[in-house]
Amino acid sequence: MLIQNKPLSKDGVDSVPSNSLHYKEAHWRSIVKSISWRITGTIDTLILSWIITGQFKFAISIASAEVITKIILFYLHERVWDKIKIGKKVISPPDYQI
C-alpha cells in the first residue's frame, strides 16, 4: 500500500489532485523533528529514571547523557528512511498548466 501526502482544504477534504504535487522532506525539517522528538524522549527518560532511582539529580544526569547522541541517531535514522524507496511513490506534476 502506498501512502501519498496530499494537501487538504480547511474542512479536511482533498483540495488538489493526488498526482499534482511531490513532497520531499528538507534536512532542516528532519533536524527540527529530531529536536522535538528528543525533548519528548528526554522528558520520558527523566521521569522514568526518577521513578526507578528515586533520585532527581541522578535522573537529570541520565537524561542529560542521552540527549545529544539520540538527536544524532534520530536524524541519521530519518535520512536513511528518506532514501528507502519502499512505500514511496514519485508523483510528477502534469506537463501542462491551467
PDB file of N, CA and C in Angstrom:
ATOM      1  N   MET A   1       0.835  -1.171   0.000  1.00  0.00           N
ATOM      2  CA  MET A   1       0.000   0.000   0.000  1.00  0.00           C
ATOM      3  C   MET A   1       0.881   1.236   0.000  1.00  0.00           C
ATOM      4  N   LEU A   2       0.660   2.147  -0.903  1.00  0.00           N
ATOM      5  CA  LEU A   2       1.434   3.369  -1.000  1.00  0.00           C
ATOM      6  C   LEU A   2       0.673   4.499  -0.330  1.00  0.00           C
ATOM      7  N   ILE A   3       1.373   5.280   0.454  1.00  0.00           N
ATOM      8  CA  ILE A   3       0.757   6.411   1.128  1.00  0.00           C
ATOM      9  C   ILE A   3       1.275   7.674   0.468  1.00  0.00           C
ATOM     10  N   GLN A   4       0.361   8.573   0.160  1.00  0.00           N
ATOM     11  CA  GLN A   4       0.736   9.812  -0.503  1.00  0.00           C
ATOM     12  C   GLN A   4       0.393  10.989   0.399  1.00  0.00           C
ATOM     13  N   ASN A   5       1.235  12.025   0.374  1.00  0.00           N
ATOM     14  CA  ASN A   5       0.931  13.260   1.084  1.00  0.00           C
ATOM     15  C   ASN A   5       0.068  14.107   0.172  1.00  0.00           C
ATOM     16  N   LYS A   6      -1.101  14.487   0.645  1.00  0.00           N
ATOM     17  CA  LYS A   6      -1.997  15.307  -0.142  1.00  0.00           C
ATOM     18  C   LYS A   6      -2.361  16.541   0.664  1.00  0.00           C
ATOM     19  N   PRO A   7      -2.357  17.715   0.045  1.00  0.00           N
ATOM     20  CA  PRO A   7      -2.820  18.895   0.773  1.00  0.00           C
ATOM     21  C   PRO A   7      -4.319  18.791   1.009  1.00  0.00           C
ATOM     22  N   LEU A   8      -4.772  19.283   2.145  1.00  0.00           N
ATOM     23  CA  LEU A   8      -6.186  19.230   2.473  1.00  0.00           C
ATOM     24  C   LEU A   8      -6.734  20.636   2.598  1.00  0.00           C
ATOM     25  N   SER A   9      -8.007  20.800   2.272  1.00  0.00           N
ATOM     26  CA  SER A   9      -8.656  22.080   2.484  1.00  0.00           C
ATOM     27  C   SER A   9      -8.920  22.248   3.973  1.00  0.00           C
ATOM     28  N   LYS A  10      -9.467  23.397   4.356  1.00  0.00           N
ATOM     29  CA  LYS A  10      -9.720  23.659   5.768  1.00  0.00           C
ATOM     30  C   LYS A  10     -10.673  22.641   6.390  1.00  0.00           C
ATOM     31  N   ASP A  11     -11.575  22.083   5.592  1.00  0.00           N
ATOM     32  CA  ASP A  11     -12.517  21.107   6.138  1.00  0.00           C
ATOM     33  C   ASP A  11     -11.976  19.681   6.080  1.00  0.00           C
ATOM     34  N   GLY A  12     -10.704  19.509   5.670  1.00  0.00           N
ATOM     35  CA  GLY A  12     -10.071  18.201   5.672  1.00  0.00           C
ATOM     36  C   GLY A  12     -10.295  17.386   4.419  1.00  0.00           C
ATOM     37  N   VAL A  13     -10.850  18.003   3.382  1.00  0.00           N
ATOM     38  CA  VAL A  13     -11.130  17.302   2.136  1.00  0.00           C
ATOM     39  C   VAL A  13      -9.986  17.546   1.162  1.00  0.00           C
ATOM     40  N   ASP A  14      -9.633  16.530   0.358  1.00  0.00           N
ATOM     41  CA  ASP A  14      -8.577  16.691  -0.636  1.00  0.00           C
ATOM     42  C   ASP A  14      -8.901  17.876  -1.531  1.00  0.00           C
ATOM     43  N   SER A  15      -7.934  18.811  -1.662  1.00  0.00           N
ATOM     44  CA  SER A  15      -8.188  20.001  -2.464  1.00  0.00           C
ATOM     45  C   SER A  15      -7.399  20.013  -3.766  1.00  0.00           C
ATOM     46  N   VAL A  16      -6.392  19.157  -3.892  1.00  0.00           N
ATOM     47  CA  VAL A  16      -5.553  19.113  -5.086  1.00  0.00           C
ATOM     48  C   VAL A  16      -5.466  17.662  -5.544  1.00  0.00           C
ATOM     49  N   PRO A  17      -5.547  17.416  -6.840  1.00  0.00           N
ATOM     50  CA  PRO A  17      -5.419  16.031  -7.294  1.00  0.00           C
ATOM     51  C   PRO A  17      -4.123  15.406  -6.796  1.00  0.00           C
ATOM     52  N   SER A  18      -4.172  14.127  -6.449  1.00  0.00           N
ATOM     53  CA  SER A  18      -3.026  13.459  -5.833  1.00  0.00           C
ATOM     54  C   SER A  18      -1.814  13.389  -6.747  1.00  0.00           C
ATOM     55  N   ASN A  19      -1.985  13.566  -8.051  1.00  0.00           N
ATOM     56  CA  ASN A  19      -0.848  13.457  -8.957  1.00  0.00           C
ATOM     57  C   ASN A  19      -0.218  14.805  -9.288  1.00  0.00           C
ATOM     58  N   SER A  20      -0.592  15.875  -8.597  1.00  0.00           N
ATOM     59  CA  SER A  20      -0.075  17.185  -8.978  1.00  0.00           C
ATOM     60  C   SER A  20       1.082  17.685  -8.122  1.00  0.00           C
ATOM     61  N   LEU A  21       1.320  17.104  -6.966  1.00  0.00           N
ATOM     62  CA  LEU A  21       2.382  17.584  -6.083  1.00  0.00           C
ATOM     63  C   LEU A  21       3.295  16.446  -5.658  1.00  0.00           C
ATOM     64  N   HIS A  22       4.546  16.805  -5.407  1.00  0.00           N
ATOM     65  CA  HIS A  22       5.524  15.843  -4.909  1.00  0.00           C
ATOM     66  C   HIS A  22       6.196  16.474  -3.702  1.00  0.00           C
ATOM     67  N   TYR A  23       6.266  15.754  -2.596  1.00  0.00           N
ATOM     68  CA  TYR A  23       6.881  16.255  -1.377  1.00  0.00           C
ATOM     69  C   TYR A  23       8.192  15.542  -1.112  1.00  0.00           C
ATOM     70  N   LYS A  24       9.182  16.310  -0.721  1.00  0.00           N
ATOM     71  CA  LYS A  24      10.462  15.763  -0.296  1.00  0.00           C
ATOM     72  C   LYS A  24      10.841  16.504   0.974  1.00  0.00           C
ATOM     73  N   GLU A  25      11.180  15.759   1.993  1.00  0.00           N
ATOM     74  CA  GLU A  25      11.498  16.371   3.276  1.00  0.00           C
ATOM     75  C   GLU A  25      12.876  17.014   3.239  1.00  0.00           C
ATOM     76  N   ALA A  26      12.952  18.272   3.668  1.00  0.00           N
ATOM     77  CA  ALA A  26      14.211  19.011   3.730  1.00  0.00           C
ATOM     78  C   ALA A  26      15.006  18.564   4.958  1.00  0.00           C
ATOM     79  N   HIS A  27      16.327  18.718   4.882  1.00  0.00           N
ATOM     80  CA  HIS A  27      17.196  18.341   6.003  1.00  0.00           C
ATOM     81  C   HIS A  27      16.841  19.129   7.260  1.00  0.00           C
ATOM     82  N   TRP A  28      16.559  20.429   7.133  1.00  0.00           N
ATOM     83  CA  TRP A  28      16.251  21.252   8.313  1.00  0.00           C
ATOM     84  C   TRP A  28      14.993  20.747   9.004  1.00  0.00           C
ATOM     85  N   ARG A  29      14.032  20.219   8.218  1.00  0.00           N
ATOM     86  CA  ARG A  29      12.806  19.691   8.818  1.00  0.00           C
ATOM     87  C   ARG A  29      13.118  18.440   9.636  1.00  0.00           C
ATOM     88  N   SER A  30      14.018  17.604   9.134  1.00  0.00           N
ATOM     89  CA  SER A  30      14.438  16.427   9.899  1.00  0.00           C
ATOM     90  C   SER A  30      15.123  16.838  11.196  1.00  0.00           C
ATOM     91  N   ILE A  31      15.897  17.918  11.152  1.00  0.00           N
ATOM     92  CA  ILE A  31      16.575  18.405  12.347  1.00  0.00           C
ATOM     93  C   ILE A  31      15.556  18.891  13.376  1.00  0.00           C
ATOM     94  N   VAL A  32      14.574  19.682  12.943  1.00  0.00           N
ATOM     95  CA  VAL A  32      13.552  20.186  13.859  1.00  0.00           C
ATOM     96  C   VAL A  32      12.745  19.027  14.456  1.00  0.00           C
ATOM     97  N   LYS A  33      12.380  18.057  13.626  1.00  0.00           N
ATOM     98  CA  LYS A  33      11.661  16.885  14.129  1.00  0.00           C
ATOM     99  C   LYS A  33      12.517  16.116  15.126  1.00  0.00           C
ATOM    100  N   SER A  34      13.811  15.994  14.842  1.00  0.00           N
ATOM    101  CA  SER A  34      14.717  15.287  15.750  1.00  0.00           C
ATOM    102  C   SER A  34      14.757  15.958  17.111  1.00  0.00           C
ATOM    103  N   ILE A  35      14.847  17.274  17.114  1.00  0.00           N
ATOM    104  CA  ILE A  35      14.926  18.018  18.378  1.00  0.00           C
ATOM    105  C   ILE A  35      13.616  17.908  19.154  1.00  0.00           C
ATOM    106  N   SER A  36      12.481  18.073  18.473  1.00  0.00           N
ATOM    107  CA  SER A  36      11.198  17.996  19.177  1.00  0.00           C
ATOM    108  C   SER A  36      10.961  16.590  19.737  1.00  0.00           C
ATOM    109  N   TRP A  37      11.331  15.573  18.966  1.00  0.00           N
ATOM    110  CA  TRP A  37      11.189  14.205  19.458  1.00  0.00           C
ATOM    111  C   TRP A  37      12.128  13.959  20.637  1.00  0.00           C
ATOM    112  N   ARG A  38      13.341  14.513  20.553  1.00  0.00           N
ATOM    113  CA  ARG A  38      14.312  14.308  21.625  1.00  0.00           C
ATOM    114  C   ARG A  38      13.855  14.961  22.914  1.00  0.00           C
ATOM    115  N   ILE A  39      13.241  16.121  22.846  1.00  0.00           N
ATOM    116  CA  ILE A  39      12.713  16.777  24.048  1.00  0.00           C
ATOM    117  C   ILE A  39      11.686  15.863  24.708  1.00  0.00           C
ATOM    118  N   THR A  40      10.788  15.317  23.899  1.00  0.00           N
ATOM    119  CA  THR A  40       9.780  14.390  24.414  1.00  0.00           C
ATOM    120  C   THR A  40      10.443  13.161  25.033  1.00  0.00           C
ATOM    121  N   GLY A  41      11.410  12.589  24.337  1.00  0.00           N
ATOM    122  CA  GLY A  41      12.106  11.405  24.829  1.00  0.00           C
ATOM    123  C   GLY A  41      12.898  11.666  26.093  1.00  0.00           C
ATOM    124  N   THR A  42      13.505  12.839  26.180  1.00  0.00           N
ATOM    125  CA  THR A  42      14.304  13.182  27.357  1.00  0.00           C
ATOM    126  C   THR A  42      13.415  13.371  28.579  1.00  0.00           C
ATOM    127  N   ILE A  43      12.260  13.980  28.385  1.00  0.00           N
ATOM    128  CA  ILE A  43      11.314  14.108  29.497  1.00  0.00           C
ATOM    129  C   ILE A  43      10.889  12.722  29.976  1.00  0.00           C
ATOM    130  N   ASP A  44      10.630  11.836  29.044  1.00  0.00           N
ATOM    131  CA  ASP A  44      10.268  10.453  29.389  1.00  0.00           C
ATOM    132  C   ASP A  44      11.398   9.767  30.165  1.00  0.00           C
ATOM    133  N   THR A  45      12.630   9.901  29.673  1.00  0.00           N
ATOM    134  CA  THR A  45      13.788   9.302  30.346  1.00  0.00           C
ATOM    135  C   THR A  45      13.968   9.885  31.747  1.00  0.00           C
ATOM    136  N   LEU A  46      13.798  11.194  31.870  1.00  0.00           N
ATOM    137  CA  LEU A  46      13.933  11.858  33.169  1.00  0.00           C
ATOM    138  C   LEU A  46      12.911  11.312  34.165  1.00  0.00           C
ATOM    139  N   ILE A  47      11.658  11.235  33.734  1.00  0.00           N
ATOM    140  CA  ILE A  47      10.604  10.749  34.629  1.00  0.00           C
ATOM    141  C   ILE A  47      10.835   9.292  35.020  1.00  0.00           C
ATOM    142  N   LEU A  48      11.130   8.443  34.035  1.00  0.00           N
ATOM    143  CA  LEU A  48      11.374   7.028  34.339  1.00  0.00           C
ATOM    144  C   LEU A  48      12.592   6.840  35.244  1.00  0.00           C
ATOM    145  N   SER A  49      13.670   7.578  34.964  1.00  0.00           N
ATOM    146  CA  SER A  49      14.878   7.477  35.792  1.00  0.00           C
ATOM    147  C   SER A  49      14.602   7.931  37.217  1.00  0.00           C
ATOM    148  N   TRP A  50      13.805   8.970  37.362  1.00  0.00           N
ATOM    149  CA  TRP A  50      13.455   9.479  38.682  1.00  0.00           C
ATOM    150  C   TRP A  50      12.621   8.452  39.445  1.00  0.00           C
ATOM    151  N   ILE A  51      11.648   7.835  38.742  1.00  0.00           N
ATOM    152  CA  ILE A  51      10.809   6.817  39.381  1.00  0.00           C
ATOM    153  C   ILE A  51      11.651   5.611  39.796  1.00  0.00           C
ATOM    154  N   ILE A  52      12.542   5.168  38.909  1.00  0.00           N
ATOM    155  CA  ILE A  52      13.344   3.972  39.183  1.00  0.00           C
ATOM    156  C   ILE A  52      14.389   4.211  40.267  1.00  0.00           C
ATOM    157  N   THR A  53      15.104   5.349  40.187  1.00  0.00           N
ATOM    158  CA  THR A  53      16.194   5.600  41.140  1.00  0.00           C
ATOM    159  C   THR A  53      15.722   6.321  42.399  1.00  0.00           C
ATOM    160  N   GLY A  54      14.659   7.096  42.266  1.00  0.00           N
ATOM    161  CA  GLY A  54      14.205   7.893  43.398  1.00  0.00           C
ATOM    162  C   GLY A  54      15.085   9.097  43.675  1.00  0.00           C
ATOM    163  N   GLN A  55      16.038   9.349  42.791  1.00  0.00           N
ATOM    164  CA  GLN A  55      16.970  10.465  42.966  1.00  0.00           C
ATOM    165  C   GLN A  55      16.886  11.395  41.755  1.00  0.00           C
ATOM    166  N   PHE A  56      16.375  12.604  41.990  1.00  0.00           N
ATOM    167  CA  PHE A  56      16.162  13.535  40.892  1.00  0.00           C
ATOM    168  C   PHE A  56      17.481  13.948  40.224  1.00  0.00           C
ATOM    169  N   LYS A  57      18.532  14.206  41.009  1.00  0.00           N
ATOM    170  CA  LYS A  57      19.825  14.601  40.426  1.00  0.00           C
ATOM    171  C   LYS A  57      20.389  13.506  39.523  1.00  0.00           C
ATOM    172  N   PHE A  58      20.273  12.265  39.959  1.00  0.00           N
ATOM    173  CA  PHE A  58      20.753  11.135  39.156  1.00  0.00           C
ATOM    174  C   PHE A  58      19.926  11.002  37.878  1.00  0.00           C
ATOM    175  N   ALA A  59      18.621  11.222  37.994  1.00  0.00           N
ATOM    176  CA  ALA A  59      17.733  11.170  36.829  1.00  0.00           C
ATOM    177  C   ALA A  59      18.111  12.245  35.813  1.00  0.00           C
ATOM    178  N   ILE A  60      18.458  13.421  36.290  1.00  0.00           N
ATOM    179  CA  ILE A  60      18.882  14.502  35.392  1.00  0.00           C
ATOM    180  C   ILE A  60      20.175  14.121  34.683  1.00  0.00           C
ATOM    181  N   SER A  61      21.108  13.510  35.388  1.00  0.00           N
ATOM    182  CA  SER A  61      22.374  13.124  34.745  1.00  0.00           C
ATOM    183  C   SER A  61      22.148  12.051  33.678  1.00  0.00           C
ATOM    184  N   ILE A  62      21.250  11.123  33.932  1.00  0.00           N
ATOM    185  CA  ILE A  62      20.927  10.093  32.934  1.00  0.00           C
ATOM    186  C   ILE A  62      20.284  10.740  31.708  1.00  0.00           C
ATOM    187  N   ALA A  63      19.288  11.586  31.944  1.00  0.00           N
ATOM    188  CA  ALA A  63      18.590  12.245  30.833  1.00  0.00           C
ATOM    189  C   ALA A  63      19.534  13.142  30.036  1.00  0.00           C
ATOM    190  N   SER A  64      20.431  13.823  30.708  1.00  0.00           N
ATOM    191  CA  SER A  64      21.387  14.713  30.025  1.00  0.00           C
ATOM    192  C   SER A  64      22.345  13.941  29.136  1.00  0.00           C
ATOM    193  N   ALA A  65      22.758  12.769  29.598  1.00  0.00           N
ATOM    194  CA  ALA A  65      23.738  11.981  28.848  1.00  0.00           C
ATOM    195  C   ALA A  65      23.187  11.481  27.521  1.00  0.00           C
ATOM    196  N   GLU A  66      21.874  11.254  27.440  1.00  0.00           N
ATOM    197  CA  GLU A  66      21.320  10.665  26.222  1.00  0.00           C
ATOM    198  C   GLU A  66      20.797  11.680  25.206  1.00  0.00           C
ATOM    199  N   VAL A  67      20.775  12.947  25.536  1.00  0.00           N
ATOM    200  CA  VAL A  67      20.177  13.951  24.649  1.00  0.00           C
ATOM    201  C   VAL A  67      20.897  14.052  23.308  1.00  0.00           C
ATOM    202  N   ILE A  68      22.164  14.366  23.311  1.00  0.00           N
ATOM    203  CA  ILE A  68      22.899  14.627  22.060  1.00  0.00           C
ATOM    204  C   ILE A  68      22.999  13.378  21.192  1.00  0.00           C
ATOM    205  N   THR A  69      23.356  12.255  21.781  1.00  0.00           N
ATOM    206  CA  THR A  69      23.521  11.049  20.965  1.00  0.00           C
ATOM    207  C   THR A  69      22.221  10.634  20.300  1.00  0.00           C
ATOM    208  N   LYS A  70      21.114  10.785  20.997  1.00  0.00           N
ATOM    209  CA  LYS A  70      19.848  10.370  20.398  1.00  0.00           C
ATOM    210  C   LYS A  70      19.339  11.355  19.352  1.00  0.00           C
ATOM    211  N   ILE A  71      19.678  12.621  19.452  1.00  0.00           N
ATOM    212  CA  ILE A  71      19.339  13.574  18.376  1.00  0.00           C
ATOM    213  C   ILE A  71      20.066  13.159  17.101  1.00  0.00           C
ATOM    214  N   ILE A  72      21.349  12.861  17.234  1.00  0.00           N
ATOM    215  CA  ILE A  72      22.144  12.456  16.069  1.00  0.00           C
ATOM    216  C   ILE A  72      21.615  11.147  15.486  1.00  0.00           C
ATOM    217  N   LEU A  73      21.336  10.180  16.334  1.00  0.00           N
ATOM    218  CA  LEU A  73      20.827   8.892  15.856  1.00  0.00           C
ATOM    219  C   LEU A  73      19.471   9.032  15.164  1.00  0.00           C
ATOM    220  N   PHE A  74      18.583   9.854  15.713  1.00  0.00           N
ATOM    221  CA  PHE A  74      17.276  10.037  15.090  1.00  0.00           C
ATOM    222  C   PHE A  74      17.411  10.732  13.735  1.00  0.00           C
ATOM    223  N   TYR A  75      18.257  11.758  13.656  1.00  0.00           N
ATOM    224  CA  TYR A  75      18.484  12.450  12.388  1.00  0.00           C
ATOM    225  C   TYR A  75      18.983  11.467  11.323  1.00  0.00           C
ATOM    226  N   LEU A  76      19.977  10.666  11.680  1.00  0.00           N
ATOM    227  CA  LEU A  76      20.507   9.679  10.740  1.00  0.00           C
ATOM    228  C   LEU A  76      19.434   8.664  10.349  1.00  0.00           C
ATOM    229  N   HIS A  77      18.643   8.247  11.298  1.00  0.00           N
ATOM    230  CA  HIS A  77      17.534   7.315  11.042  1.00  0.00           C
ATOM    231  C   HIS A  77      16.555   7.914  10.029  1.00  0.00           C
ATOM    232  N   GLU A  78      16.184   9.180  10.222  1.00  0.00           N
ATOM    233  CA  GLU A  78      15.270   9.854   9.300  1.00  0.00           C
ATOM    234  C   GLU A  78      15.852   9.947   7.889  1.00  0.00           C
ATOM    235  N   ARG A  79      17.123  10.282   7.790  1.00  0.00           N
ATOM    236  CA  ARG A  79      17.747  10.447   6.471  1.00  0.00           C
ATOM    237  C   ARG A  79      17.866   9.105   5.753  1.00  0.00           C
ATOM    238  N   VAL A  80      18.169   8.033   6.482  1.00  0.00           N
ATOM    239  CA  VAL A  80      18.223   6.707   5.873  1.00  0.00           C
ATOM    240  C   VAL A  80      16.841   6.333   5.355  1.00  0.00           C
ATOM    241  N   TRP A  81      15.801   6.530   6.176  1.00  0.00           N
ATOM    242  CA  TRP A  81      14.454   6.185   5.748  1.00  0.00           C
ATOM    243  C   TRP A  81      13.981   7.052   4.582  1.00  0.00           C
ATOM    244  N   ASP A  82      14.494   8.274   4.468  1.00  0.00           N
ATOM    245  CA  ASP A  82      14.133   9.122   3.330  1.00  0.00           C
ATOM    246  C   ASP A  82      14.664   8.530   2.028  1.00  0.00           C
ATOM    247  N   LYS A  83      15.751   7.796   2.101  1.00  0.00           N
ATOM    248  CA  LYS A  83      16.359   7.189   0.907  1.00  0.00           C
ATOM    249  C   LYS A  83      15.734   5.839   0.539  1.00  0.00           C
ATOM    250  N   ILE A  84      15.067   5.194   1.479  1.00  0.00           N
ATOM    251  CA  ILE A  84      14.446   3.892   1.218  1.00  0.00           C
ATOM    252  C   ILE A  84      13.185   4.107   0.384  1.00  0.00           C
ATOM    253  N   LYS A  85      13.106   3.407  -0.736  1.00  0.00           N
ATOM    254  CA  LYS A  85      12.015   3.613  -1.692  1.00  0.00           C
ATOM    255  C   LYS A  85      10.743   2.837  -1.348  1.00  0.00           C
ATOM    256  N   ILE A  86      10.827   1.855  -0.466  1.00  0.00           N
ATOM    257  CA  ILE A  86       9.668   1.030  -0.132  1.00  0.00           C
ATOM    258  C   ILE A  86       8.556   1.914   0.442  1.00  0.00           C
ATOM    259  N   GLY A  87       7.360   1.805  -0.134  1.00  0.00           N
ATOM    260  CA  GLY A  87       6.217   2.565   0.355  1.00  0.00           C
ATOM    261  C   GLY A  87       6.153   3.994  -0.138  1.00  0.00           C
ATOM    262  N   LYS A  88       7.037   4.366  -1.045  1.00  0.00           N
ATOM    263  CA  LYS A  88       7.046   5.715  -1.601  1.00  0.00           C
ATOM    264  C   LYS A  88       6.648   5.648  -3.064  1.00  0.00           C
ATOM    265  N   LYS A  89       6.036   6.704  -3.531  1.00  0.00           N
ATOM    266  CA  LYS A  89       5.674   6.800  -4.933  1.00  0.00           C
ATOM    267  C   LYS A  89       6.041   8.191  -5.413  1.00  0.00           C
ATOM    268  N   VAL A  90       6.783   8.272  -6.495  1.00  0.00           N
ATOM    269  CA  VAL A  90       7.143   9.560  -7.075  1.00  0.00           C
ATOM    270  C   VAL A  90       5.935  10.066  -7.847  1.00  0.00           C
ATOM    271  N   ILE A  91       5.537  11.259  -7.534  1.00  0.00           N
ATOM    272  CA  ILE A  91       4.390  11.863  -8.199  1.00  0.00           C
ATOM    273  C   ILE A  91       4.891  13.086  -8.950  1.00  0.00           C
ATOM    274  N   SER A  92       4.743  13.057 -10.255  1.00  0.00           N
ATOM    275  CA  SER A  92       5.203  14.155 -11.091  1.00  0.00           C
ATOM    276  C   SER A  92       4.044  15.103 -11.370  1.00  0.00           C
ATOM    277  N   PRO A  93       4.337  16.412 -11.439  1.00  0.00           N
ATOM    278  CA  PRO A  93       3.271  17.349 -11.799  1.00  0.00           C
ATOM    279  C   PRO A  93       2.912  17.147 -13.265  1.00  0.00           C
ATOM    280  N   PRO A  94       1.706  17.561 -13.676  1.00  0.00           N
ATOM    281  CA  PRO A  94       1.312  17.409 -15.068  1.00  0.00           C
ATOM    282  C   PRO A  94       2.198  18.259 -15.987  1.00  0.00           C
ATOM    283  N   ASP A  95       2.265  17.879 -17.259  1.00  0.00           N
ATOM    284  CA  ASP A  95       3.073  18.593 -18.240  1.00  0.00           C
ATOM    285  C   ASP A  95       2.410  19.875 -18.739  1.00  0.00           C
ATOM    286  N   TYR A  96       1.296  20.215 -18.220  1.00  0.00           N
ATOM    287  CA  TYR A  96       0.564  21.391 -18.667  1.00  0.00           C
ATOM    288  C   TYR A  96       0.139  22.213 -17.471  1.00  0.00           C
ATOM    289  N   GLN A  97      -0.215  23.469 -17.718  1.00  0.00           N
ATOM    290  CA  GLN A  97      -0.723  24.346 -16.678  1.00  0.00           C
ATOM    291  C   GLN A  97      -2.072  24.887 -17.100  1.00  0.00           C
ATOM    292  N   ILE A  98      -2.923  25.097 -16.134  1.00  0.00           N
ATOM    293  CA  ILE A  98      -4.249  25.654 -16.422  1.00  0.00           C
ATOM    294  C   ILE A  98      -4.265  27.117 -16.097  1.00  0.00           C
TER     295      ILE A  98
END
